[in-house]
């Protein structure tokens, strides 16, 4: 994690959600790693607690397992983070979805 950046992860039975924040403490990226989402609740939650518009449809969740990233307002203040957050989210996804393959 580059200097000044930090992340917080909440793990639950179906997967995990993490938010990366920048040096200004503004959220930069939220990534949702899902093993199981039988009724689309987790997918909808990624849409429901967002004040902007998103390109994805909250009523059309992807088939699990999936990793979904949502850019946050801080991404505009910390454009340098766009160089590494995709790889970070992918690594986090592997840890959550297939921990045995990375240990």
C-alpha atoms as a PDB file:
ATOM      1  CA  UNK A   1       0.000   0.000   0.000  1.00  0.00           C
ATOM      2  CA  UNK A   2       1.565   3.341  -0.985  1.00  0.00           C
ATOM      3  CA  UNK A   3       2.370   5.821   1.781  1.00  0.00           C
ATOM      4  CA  UNK A   4      -0.636   7.710   3.043  1.00  0.00           C
ATOM      5  CA  UNK A   5      -3.178   5.187   1.763  1.00  0.00           C
ATOM      6  CA  UNK A   6      -5.008   2.731   3.976  1.00  0.00           C
ATOM      7  CA  UNK A   7      -7.885   0.305   3.699  1.00  0.00           C
ATOM      8  CA  UNK A   8     -10.517  -1.203   5.901  1.00  0.00           C
ATOM      9  CA  UNK A   9     -12.065  -4.599   5.220  1.00  0.00           C
ATOM     10  CA  UNK A  10     -15.198  -6.183   6.605  1.00  0.00           C
ATOM     11  CA  UNK A  11     -15.352  -9.956   6.205  1.00  0.00           C
ATOM     12  CA  UNK A  12     -18.667 -11.807   6.283  1.00  0.00           C
ATOM     13  CA  UNK A  13     -19.779 -15.336   5.435  1.00  0.00           C
ATOM     14  CA  UNK A  14     -20.477 -14.568   1.754  1.00  0.00           C
ATOM     15  CA  UNK A  15     -17.274 -12.582   1.112  1.00  0.00           C
ATOM     16  CA  UNK A  16     -15.759  -9.229   2.036  1.00  0.00           C
ATOM     17  CA  UNK A  17     -15.997  -5.528   1.276  1.00  0.00           C
ATOM     18  CA  UNK A  18     -13.002  -3.191   1.428  1.00  0.00           C
ATOM     19  CA  UNK A  19     -12.637   0.539   1.069  1.00  0.00           C
ATOM     20  CA  UNK A  20      -9.343   2.184   0.166  1.00  0.00           C
ATOM     21  CA  UNK A  21      -8.883   5.737   1.435  1.00  0.00           C
ATOM     22  CA  UNK A  22      -6.292   8.232   0.297  1.00  0.00           C
ATOM     23  CA  UNK A  23      -3.919  10.542   2.148  1.00  0.00           C
ATOM     24  CA  UNK A  24      -6.778  13.049   2.474  1.00  0.00           C
ATOM     25  CA  UNK A  25      -8.834  10.266   4.140  1.00  0.00           C
ATOM     26  CA  UNK A  26     -11.383  10.481   1.328  1.00  0.00           C
ATOM     27  CA  UNK A  27     -12.568   7.073   0.065  1.00  0.00           C
ATOM     28  CA  UNK A  28     -11.014   6.177  -3.288  1.00  0.00           C
ATOM     29  CA  UNK A  29     -12.303   2.686  -4.090  1.00  0.00           C
ATOM     30  CA  UNK A  30     -14.762   0.198  -2.660  1.00  0.00           C
ATOM     31  CA  UNK A  31     -14.341  -3.397  -3.747  1.00  0.00           C
ATOM     32  CA  UNK A  32     -16.841  -6.159  -3.041  1.00  0.00           C
ATOM     33  CA  UNK A  33     -15.589  -9.752  -3.254  1.00  0.00           C
ATOM     34  CA  UNK A  34     -18.489 -12.191  -3.206  1.00  0.00           C
ATOM     35  CA  UNK A  35     -18.470 -15.988  -2.943  1.00  0.00           C
ATOM     36  CA  UNK A  36     -22.258 -16.273  -2.803  1.00  0.00           C
ATOM     37  CA  UNK A  37     -25.074 -13.743  -3.345  1.00  0.00           C
ATOM     38  CA  UNK A  38     -28.140 -15.883  -3.984  1.00  0.00           C
ATOM     39  CA  UNK A  39     -30.696 -13.078  -3.949  1.00  0.00           C
ATOM     40  CA  UNK A  40     -28.510 -10.149  -5.113  1.00  0.00           C
ATOM     41  CA  UNK A  41     -28.532  -8.376  -1.742  1.00  0.00           C
ATOM     42  CA  UNK A  42     -24.802  -7.660  -1.749  1.00  0.00           C
ATOM     43  CA  UNK A  43     -24.884  -6.378  -5.338  1.00  0.00           C
ATOM     44  CA  UNK A  44     -27.784  -4.051  -4.514  1.00  0.00           C
ATOM     45  CA  UNK A  45     -25.993  -2.791  -1.392  1.00  0.00           C
ATOM     46  CA  UNK A  46     -23.112  -1.625  -3.568  1.00  0.00           C
ATOM     47  CA  UNK A  47     -25.632   0.514  -5.478  1.00  0.00           C
ATOM     48  CA  UNK A  48     -27.943   1.591  -2.651  1.00  0.00           C
ATOM     49  CA  UNK A  49     -25.389   3.383  -0.502  1.00  0.00           C
ATOM     50  CA  UNK A  50     -23.965   5.511  -3.337  1.00  0.00           C
ATOM     51  CA  UNK A  51     -25.020   9.096  -4.011  1.00  0.00           C
ATOM     52  CA  UNK A  52     -23.926   9.256  -7.656  1.00  0.00           C
ATOM     53  CA  UNK A  53     -25.033   7.372 -10.732  1.00  0.00           C
ATOM     54  CA  UNK A  54     -23.567   4.000 -11.638  1.00  0.00           C
ATOM     55  CA  UNK A  55     -23.382   2.244 -15.003  1.00  0.00           C
ATOM     56  CA  UNK A  56     -24.482  -1.115 -13.625  1.00  0.00           C
ATOM     57  CA  UNK A  57     -28.015  -2.217 -12.860  1.00  0.00           C
ATOM     58  CA  UNK A  58     -28.788  -2.957  -9.188  1.00  0.00           C
ATOM     59  CA  UNK A  59     -31.511  -5.402 -10.222  1.00  0.00           C
ATOM     60  CA  UNK A  60     -29.176  -7.438 -12.455  1.00  0.00           C
ATOM     61  CA  UNK A  61     -26.417  -8.927 -10.262  1.00  0.00           C
ATOM     62  CA  UNK A  62     -23.601 -10.925 -11.819  1.00  0.00           C
ATOM     63  CA  UNK A  63     -23.372 -14.626 -11.130  1.00  0.00           C
ATOM     64  CA  UNK A  64     -21.257 -15.342  -8.054  1.00  0.00           C
ATOM     65  CA  UNK A  65     -18.412 -15.524  -7.447  1.00  0.00           C
ATOM     66  CA  UNK A  66     -17.581 -11.964  -8.502  1.00  0.00           C
ATOM     67  CA  UNK A  67     -15.481  -8.935  -7.646  1.00  0.00           C
ATOM     68  CA  UNK A  68     -17.107  -5.536  -8.145  1.00  0.00           C
ATOM     69  CA  UNK A  69     -15.244  -2.243  -7.828  1.00  0.00           C
ATOM     70  CA  UNK A  70     -16.858   1.134  -7.282  1.00  0.00           C
ATOM     71  CA  UNK A  71     -14.851   4.318  -7.688  1.00  0.00           C
ATOM     72  CA  UNK A  72     -15.483   6.757  -4.871  1.00  0.00           C
ATOM     73  CA  UNK A  73     -15.303  10.557  -4.802  1.00  0.00           C
ATOM     74  CA  UNK A  74     -11.705  10.471  -3.555  1.00  0.00           C
ATOM     75  CA  UNK A  75     -10.581   8.877  -6.821  1.00  0.00           C
ATOM     76  CA  UNK A  76     -10.788  12.346  -8.390  1.00  0.00           C
ATOM     77  CA  UNK A  77      -8.431  13.742  -5.731  1.00  0.00           C
ATOM     78  CA  UNK A  78      -6.022  10.796  -5.885  1.00  0.00           C
ATOM     79  CA  UNK A  79      -5.684   9.935  -9.561  1.00  0.00           C
ATOM     80  CA  UNK A  80      -2.337   8.249  -8.843  1.00  0.00           C
ATOM     81  CA  UNK A  81      -4.275   5.499  -7.045  1.00  0.00           C
ATOM     82  CA  UNK A  82      -5.876   4.503 -10.356  1.00  0.00           C
ATOM     83  CA  UNK A  83      -2.500   3.027 -11.313  1.00  0.00           C
ATOM     84  CA  UNK A  84      -2.580   0.362  -8.593  1.00  0.00           C
ATOM     85  CA  UNK A  85      -6.110  -0.069  -7.159  1.00  0.00           C
ATOM     86  CA  UNK A  86      -7.141  -2.519  -9.893  1.00  0.00           C
ATOM     87  CA  UNK A  87      -4.292  -4.858  -8.953  1.00  0.00           C
ATOM     88  CA  UNK A  88      -5.026  -4.359  -5.267  1.00  0.00           C
ATOM     89  CA  UNK A  89      -8.693  -5.311  -5.751  1.00  0.00           C
ATOM     90  CA  UNK A  90      -7.718  -8.355  -7.818  1.00  0.00           C
ATOM     91  CA  UNK A  91      -5.315  -9.574  -5.090  1.00  0.00           C
ATOM     92  CA  UNK A  92      -7.908  -8.997  -2.395  1.00  0.00           C
ATOM     93  CA  UNK A  93     -10.386 -10.964  -4.486  1.00  0.00           C
ATOM     94  CA  UNK A  94      -8.050 -13.949  -4.741  1.00  0.00           C
ATOM     95  CA  UNK A  95      -7.494 -13.889  -0.978  1.00  0.00           C
ATOM     96  CA  UNK A  96     -11.246 -13.834  -0.296  1.00  0.00           C
ATOM     97  CA  UNK A  97     -12.459 -16.140  -3.064  1.00  0.00           C
ATOM     98  CA  UNK A  98      -9.607 -18.652  -3.232  1.00  0.00           C
ATOM     99  CA  UNK A  99      -7.382 -18.300  -0.156  1.00  0.00           C
ATOM    100  CA  UNK A 100      -5.747 -21.693  -0.664  1.00  0.00           C
ATOM    101  CA  UNK A 101      -4.350 -20.631  -4.029  1.00  0.00           C
ATOM    102  CA  UNK A 102      -2.405 -17.696  -2.584  1.00  0.00           C
ATOM    103  CA  UNK A 103      -1.004 -19.233   0.575  1.00  0.00           C
END
